[in-house]
Amino acid sequence: MADCENLYFGVALQYRTAPSVCFVSNDTSYKRTGAIRTAATYQTQAHGYNIGSYNVFDLPWKVQNDIGNATAFCGDLKKYRMYRRVGLATEFTTEGRTLRLSNLALLTVRAPFGGKVVDANAFAKGTQFKA
């Protein structure tokens, strides 16, 4: 839990009070933080008994499974900007046995997206979580 505290306090004070502050990691890292016992004599867990709430320190915990087990971050997501790049690709296909027998077509739309951090003080990244 000390790693989670370090992430939280690594975010600048003016951003920690924003309603859009959250933790982000993969599901395995969230599970591991929930398995931490709060005391040697008690069997209470760090998340309490509601591990499915995806909350730590009353902050939401978002899951992105492309992040490695040893990495997590905390930050104000309103200080991250996403944008759609030029180049929208659409494709119709009727290939495949299931589509042909059902007399259906599959429409695929692909668009490249990108993003960047607007204010680095609004985020803290940890790479030393137990892998």
C-alpha atoms as a PDB file:
ATOM      1  CA  MET A   1       0.000   0.000   0.000  1.00  0.00           C
ATOM      2  CA  ALA A   2       3.023   2.259   0.402  1.00  0.00           C
ATOM      3  CA  ASP A   3       3.451   2.198  -3.390  1.00  0.00           C
ATOM      4  CA  CYS A   4      -0.155   3.363  -3.805  1.00  0.00           C
ATOM      5  CA  GLU A   5       0.402   6.132  -1.271  1.00  0.00           C
ATOM      6  CA  ASN A   6       3.564   7.222  -3.083  1.00  0.00           C
ATOM      7  CA  LEU A   7       1.666   7.354  -6.371  1.00  0.00           C
ATOM      8  CA  TYR A   8      -1.145   9.364  -4.814  1.00  0.00           C
ATOM      9  CA  PHE A   9       1.159  11.866  -3.134  1.00  0.00           C
ATOM     10  CA  GLY A  10       3.296  12.054  -6.275  1.00  0.00           C
ATOM     11  CA  VAL A  11       0.431  13.926  -7.933  1.00  0.00           C
ATOM     12  CA  ALA A  12       0.529  17.677  -7.249  1.00  0.00           C
ATOM     13  CA  LEU A  13      -1.865  18.816  -4.516  1.00  0.00           C
ATOM     14  CA  GLN A  14      -4.052  20.932  -6.780  1.00  0.00           C
ATOM     15  CA  TYR A  15      -4.843  17.840  -8.892  1.00  0.00           C
ATOM     16  CA  ARG A  16      -5.336  15.318  -6.058  1.00  0.00           C
ATOM     17  CA  THR A  17      -8.652  16.898  -5.078  1.00  0.00           C
ATOM     18  CA  ALA A  18     -10.120  16.739  -8.601  1.00  0.00           C
ATOM     19  CA  PRO A  19     -13.008  14.303  -9.105  1.00  0.00           C
ATOM     20  CA  SER A  20     -11.262  12.787 -12.146  1.00  0.00           C
ATOM     21  CA  VAL A  21      -8.208  11.486 -10.219  1.00  0.00           C
ATOM     22  CA  CYS A  22      -7.829   7.720 -10.361  1.00  0.00           C
ATOM     23  CA  PHE A  23      -5.336   4.864 -10.287  1.00  0.00           C
ATOM     24  CA  VAL A  24      -4.623   2.914 -13.490  1.00  0.00           C
ATOM     25  CA  SER A  25      -2.977  -0.500 -13.833  1.00  0.00           C
ATOM     26  CA  ASN A  26      -3.776  -3.961 -15.062  1.00  0.00           C
ATOM     27  CA  ASP A  27      -6.184  -6.262 -13.250  1.00  0.00           C
ATOM     28  CA  THR A  28      -3.408  -8.387 -11.751  1.00  0.00           C
ATOM     29  CA  SER A  29      -1.836  -5.395 -10.011  1.00  0.00           C
ATOM     30  CA  TYR A  30      -5.212  -4.376  -8.592  1.00  0.00           C
ATOM     31  CA  LYS A  31      -5.766  -7.911  -7.301  1.00  0.00           C
ATOM     32  CA  ARG A  32      -2.340  -7.922  -5.655  1.00  0.00           C
ATOM     33  CA  THR A  33      -2.960  -4.642  -3.846  1.00  0.00           C
ATOM     34  CA  GLY A  34      -6.257  -6.021  -2.580  1.00  0.00           C
ATOM     35  CA  ALA A  35      -4.576  -9.113  -1.190  1.00  0.00           C
ATOM     36  CA  ILE A  36      -2.380  -7.051   1.147  1.00  0.00           C
ATOM     37  CA  ARG A  37      -3.250  -7.619   4.800  1.00  0.00           C
ATOM     38  CA  THR A  38      -3.622  -4.480   6.895  1.00  0.00           C
ATOM     39  CA  ALA A  39      -2.242  -6.020  10.110  1.00  0.00           C
ATOM     40  CA  ALA A  40      -0.610  -9.229  11.225  1.00  0.00           C
ATOM     41  CA  THR A  41      -3.292 -10.060  13.791  1.00  0.00           C
ATOM     42  CA  TYR A  42      -6.295  -9.161  11.650  1.00  0.00           C
ATOM     43  CA  GLN A  43      -7.342 -10.798   8.416  1.00  0.00           C
ATOM     44  CA  THR A  44      -8.699  -7.587   6.898  1.00  0.00           C
ATOM     45  CA  GLN A  45      -7.561  -6.701   3.425  1.00  0.00           C
ATOM     46  CA  ALA A  46      -6.449  -3.356   2.062  1.00  0.00           C
ATOM     47  CA  HIS A  47      -9.639  -2.960   0.007  1.00  0.00           C
ATOM     48  CA  GLY A  48     -11.815  -4.161   2.850  1.00  0.00           C
ATOM     49  CA  TYR A  49     -14.154  -6.959   1.899  1.00  0.00           C
ATOM     50  CA  ASN A  50     -15.414  -5.273  -1.255  1.00  0.00           C
ATOM     51  CA  ILE A  51     -12.591  -6.063  -3.660  1.00  0.00           C
ATOM     52  CA  GLY A  52     -14.978  -5.782  -6.613  1.00  0.00           C
ATOM     53  CA  SER A  53     -15.554  -2.085  -5.995  1.00  0.00           C
ATOM     54  CA  TYR A  54     -12.307  -1.129  -7.808  1.00  0.00           C
ATOM     55  CA  ASN A  55     -11.626   1.675  -5.336  1.00  0.00           C
ATOM     56  CA  VAL A  56      -8.488   2.408  -3.319  1.00  0.00           C
ATOM     57  CA  PHE A  57      -8.332   5.331  -0.871  1.00  0.00           C
ATOM     58  CA  ASP A  58     -11.837   6.252  -2.095  1.00  0.00           C
ATOM     59  CA  LEU A  59     -10.429   6.776  -5.603  1.00  0.00           C
ATOM     60  CA  PRO A  60     -11.498   4.714  -8.614  1.00  0.00           C
ATOM     61  CA  TRP A  61      -9.063   2.159  -9.986  1.00  0.00           C
ATOM     62  CA  LYS A  62      -9.215   1.850 -13.787  1.00  0.00           C
ATOM     63  CA  VAL A  63      -8.018  -1.315 -15.509  1.00  0.00           C
ATOM     64  CA  GLN A  64      -5.989  -1.332 -18.719  1.00  0.00           C
ATOM     65  CA  ASN A  65      -4.593  -4.815 -19.311  1.00  0.00           C
ATOM     66  CA  ASP A  66      -1.895  -3.726 -21.788  1.00  0.00           C
ATOM     67  CA  ILE A  67       0.070  -2.244 -18.871  1.00  0.00           C
ATOM     68  CA  GLY A  68       2.700  -4.561 -17.382  1.00  0.00           C
ATOM     69  CA  ASN A  69       2.333  -6.041 -13.885  1.00  0.00           C
ATOM     70  CA  ALA A  70       5.054  -3.837 -12.389  1.00  0.00           C
ATOM     71  CA  THR A  71       3.594  -0.547 -13.695  1.00  0.00           C
ATOM     72  CA  ALA A  72       0.769   1.625 -12.378  1.00  0.00           C
ATOM     73  CA  PHE A  73      -0.006   5.308 -12.291  1.00  0.00           C
ATOM     74  CA  CYS A  74      -2.215   7.797 -10.527  1.00  0.00           C
ATOM     75  CA  GLY A  75      -3.397  11.020 -12.050  1.00  0.00           C
ATOM     76  CA  ASP A  76      -6.054  13.462 -13.109  1.00  0.00           C
ATOM     77  CA  LEU A  77      -7.379  12.094 -16.388  1.00  0.00           C
ATOM     78  CA  LYS A  78      -8.701  15.518 -17.401  1.00  0.00           C
ATOM     79  CA  LYS A  79      -5.076  16.518 -17.898  1.00  0.00           C
ATOM     80  CA  TYR A  80      -4.650  13.881 -20.639  1.00  0.00           C
ATOM     81  CA  ARG A  81      -5.786  14.839 -24.124  1.00  0.00           C
ATOM     82  CA  MET A  82      -6.856  12.311 -26.744  1.00  0.00           C
ATOM     83  CA  TYR A  83      -7.094  13.147 -30.414  1.00  0.00           C
ATOM     84  CA  ARG A  84      -8.060  11.324 -33.587  1.00  0.00           C
ATOM     85  CA  ARG A  85      -5.459  11.311 -36.301  1.00  0.00           C
ATOM     86  CA  VAL A  86      -6.229  11.706 -39.982  1.00  0.00           C
ATOM     87  CA  GLY A  87      -6.973   8.496 -41.828  1.00  0.00           C
ATOM     88  CA  LEU A  88     -10.314   6.804 -41.299  1.00  0.00           C
ATOM     89  CA  ALA A  89     -10.520   3.383 -42.973  1.00  0.00           C
ATOM     90  CA  THR A  90     -13.787   1.524 -43.621  1.00  0.00           C
ATOM     91  CA  GLU A  91     -14.109  -1.965 -45.030  1.00  0.00           C
ATOM     92  CA  PHE A  92     -17.039  -4.232 -45.867  1.00  0.00           C
ATOM     93  CA  THR A  93     -16.434  -7.958 -45.963  1.00  0.00           C
ATOM     94  CA  THR A  94     -18.605 -11.007 -46.597  1.00  0.00           C
ATOM     95  CA  GLU A  95     -15.746 -13.468 -46.290  1.00  0.00           C
ATOM     96  CA  GLY A  96     -15.993 -16.353 -43.926  1.00  0.00           C
ATOM     97  CA  ARG A  97     -18.425 -19.229 -43.702  1.00  0.00           C
ATOM     98  CA  THR A  98     -20.627 -17.710 -40.984  1.00  0.00           C
ATOM     99  CA  LEU A  99     -21.156 -14.415 -42.800  1.00  0.00           C
ATOM    100  CA  ARG A 100     -21.882 -16.098 -46.120  1.00  0.00           C
ATOM    101  CA  LEU A 101     -24.357 -18.619 -44.703  1.00  0.00           C
ATOM    102  CA  SER A 102     -26.146 -15.918 -42.728  1.00  0.00           C
ATOM    103  CA  ASN A 103     -26.193 -13.613 -45.772  1.00  0.00           C
ATOM    104  CA  LEU A 104     -24.543 -10.888 -43.692  1.00  0.00           C
ATOM    105  CA  ALA A 105     -21.719  -8.419 -44.149  1.00  0.00           C
ATOM    106  CA  LEU A 106     -19.234  -7.137 -41.606  1.00  0.00           C
ATOM    107  CA  LEU A 107     -18.465  -3.413 -41.514  1.00  0.00           C
ATOM    108  CA  THR A 108     -15.100  -2.532 -39.974  1.00  0.00           C
ATOM    109  CA  VAL A 109     -14.143   1.056 -39.226  1.00  0.00           C
ATOM    110  CA  ARG A 110     -10.597   1.806 -38.077  1.00  0.00           C
ATOM    111  CA  ALA A 111      -9.366   5.174 -36.903  1.00  0.00           C
ATOM    112  CA  PRO A 112      -5.948   5.934 -35.419  1.00  0.00           C
ATOM    113  CA  PHE A 113      -6.003   7.726 -32.079  1.00  0.00           C
ATOM    114  CA  GLY A 114      -3.275   9.338 -30.059  1.00  0.00           C
ATOM    115  CA  GLY A 115      -2.895  11.218 -26.831  1.00  0.00           C
ATOM    116  CA  LYS A 116      -0.529  13.108 -24.597  1.00  0.00           C
ATOM    117  CA  VAL A 117      -0.212  14.413 -21.068  1.00  0.00           C
ATOM    118  CA  VAL A 118      -0.984  18.138 -20.883  1.00  0.00           C
ATOM    119  CA  ASP A 119       0.425  18.762 -17.384  1.00  0.00           C
ATOM    120  CA  ALA A 120       3.048  16.371 -16.007  1.00  0.00           C
ATOM    121  CA  ASN A 121       2.323  17.508 -12.428  1.00  0.00           C
ATOM    122  CA  ALA A 122      -1.079  15.833 -12.666  1.00  0.00           C
ATOM    123  CA  PHE A 123       0.383  12.295 -12.971  1.00  0.00           C
ATOM    124  CA  ALA A 124       2.699   9.975 -11.077  1.00  0.00           C
ATOM    125  CA  LYS A 125       3.968   6.691 -12.501  1.00  0.00           C
ATOM    126  CA  GLY A 126       5.321   3.745 -10.557  1.00  0.00           C
ATOM    127  CA  THR A 127       7.365   0.983 -12.143  1.00  0.00           C
ATOM    128  CA  GLN A 128       8.444  -0.907  -9.024  1.00  0.00           C
ATOM    129  CA  PHE A 129       5.220  -2.761  -8.240  1.00  0.00           C
ATOM    130  CA  LYS A 130       5.737  -6.406  -7.501  1.00  0.00           C
ATOM    131  CA  ALA A 131       5.794  -8.292 -10.792  1.00  0.00           C
END
